[in-house]
Amino acid sequence: MATKKRRDSEVPATDRLAGFPHPRETFAFLGHEDVLARAARAVRSGRPPQGWLITGPPGIGKATLAYRVARYLLAYGATDRGPADLSVAAKDSAAVQVSAGSHSGLLALRRSINPDTGRLMNVISVNEVRKLGAFFGMTSGAGGWRVAIVDTADDMNDNAANAILKLLEEPPARALLLLLANVPGRLLPTIRSRCQRFDLRPLPLLLVEAELGKQLPDLSKPKRASLARLSGGSIGLALQLASGDGVMLAEEADRLITEAARPDIPALLSLGDRLFRITDGIETLGAFLKQALTDRIRARAHEGAANLDLWLQCFEKLNASFEQTSLLYLDPRQTALSAAGVISSTVRRAGPV
């Protein structure tokens, strides 16, 4: 029986944290004052770079910054007529349309639904990226600019990446392309070299705790401190951890690394069984595991530790394993065992991380 084609409005918002406003509806941008200042100078100069690469871990604020830049450009153009912090009043007509996802001068690309299976695709396909050609070919929207956001660019397959590269090589006038990336190293070097880069760093834990207190006032102070630590300085990730099975999965990811020398096989099999019963459990565990490993590798790099190339290889193997599990709907138990084996092997060769 043919699969019913799902409308765009029915596509899950993968860039939205359930229960909280979408980044296009978020007007506060916390803790990245230096990046915001650079972005403001670029936009208000009159000639902003047409390709931006906004990087940082999940939940750190990449999409929030992208929509802030988009709102300003669509409201004021590349001028200094608006506020120096790129803020736009929520009641401004451009802001209202951006929040509703209805502004003709803004296009957001993300993973779409596979028409053959009805499932969310694991990559941003070239068909999605091709929408940019028609979009940038249209008459400019209000403010004279067109803005496209790709969230996230490291989800693009090879054909999509090459299509983006061609666009960056021949950028249309009065158009801005904002590429968001959790792992920018996965992008083509030629894409990275053609973009102005804005790196969002982990936020101070006290700032994360304070924001958790505002967003989730019923949380105890010790709980807020624990969530801030587990989040690695990401407000979005801390909020995700606070709901459902987030804390358990983050702790399991941390345990996979700290106990890698002596993996507990029965515990890993039990974890796999639990992942079966959690929506997006294996994807969430993979995200937490990769984030925990990234934080540790970064800390060791600052210490001048040796053998980090082996840990980077470990990261790539884990990333491929979790992607394959999601793509092919493989057994989470086998993925958990495989991840523990990869980390354990790396510990024996490179020492703990």
Foldseek 3Di string as FASTA:
>chain_A
DFDDADDPVPWDPPQDDPPDAHLLLDQDDPDQVVLLLVLLCQQAVQHHQQEEEEEAAPQACQSNSQSLSVLLCLQANSHPPDDSSSGDDCPRPSSVCSSVVRFLQEEEFEFGADSRPRHTDQARELVRLVVVVVSLPDQHTHNRAHEYEYVAPLRHDPNNLVSVLVCLVPPDPRYHYYHYYHDVVSHDPSSVVSHHYRYRAAGPLVVLLVVCCVVPVVDDSVLSSVLSVLQRRRNGLSVSLVDDCNVVLLVVLVCLQVVLQPDDLVVLLVLLVVLVVDVCSLVSSLSSNLVVLVVVLVVVVVVVAPPSVLSVVLSVVLVVLSSVCVNVVDRSSVSSVVNSVSSNVSCVVRNGD
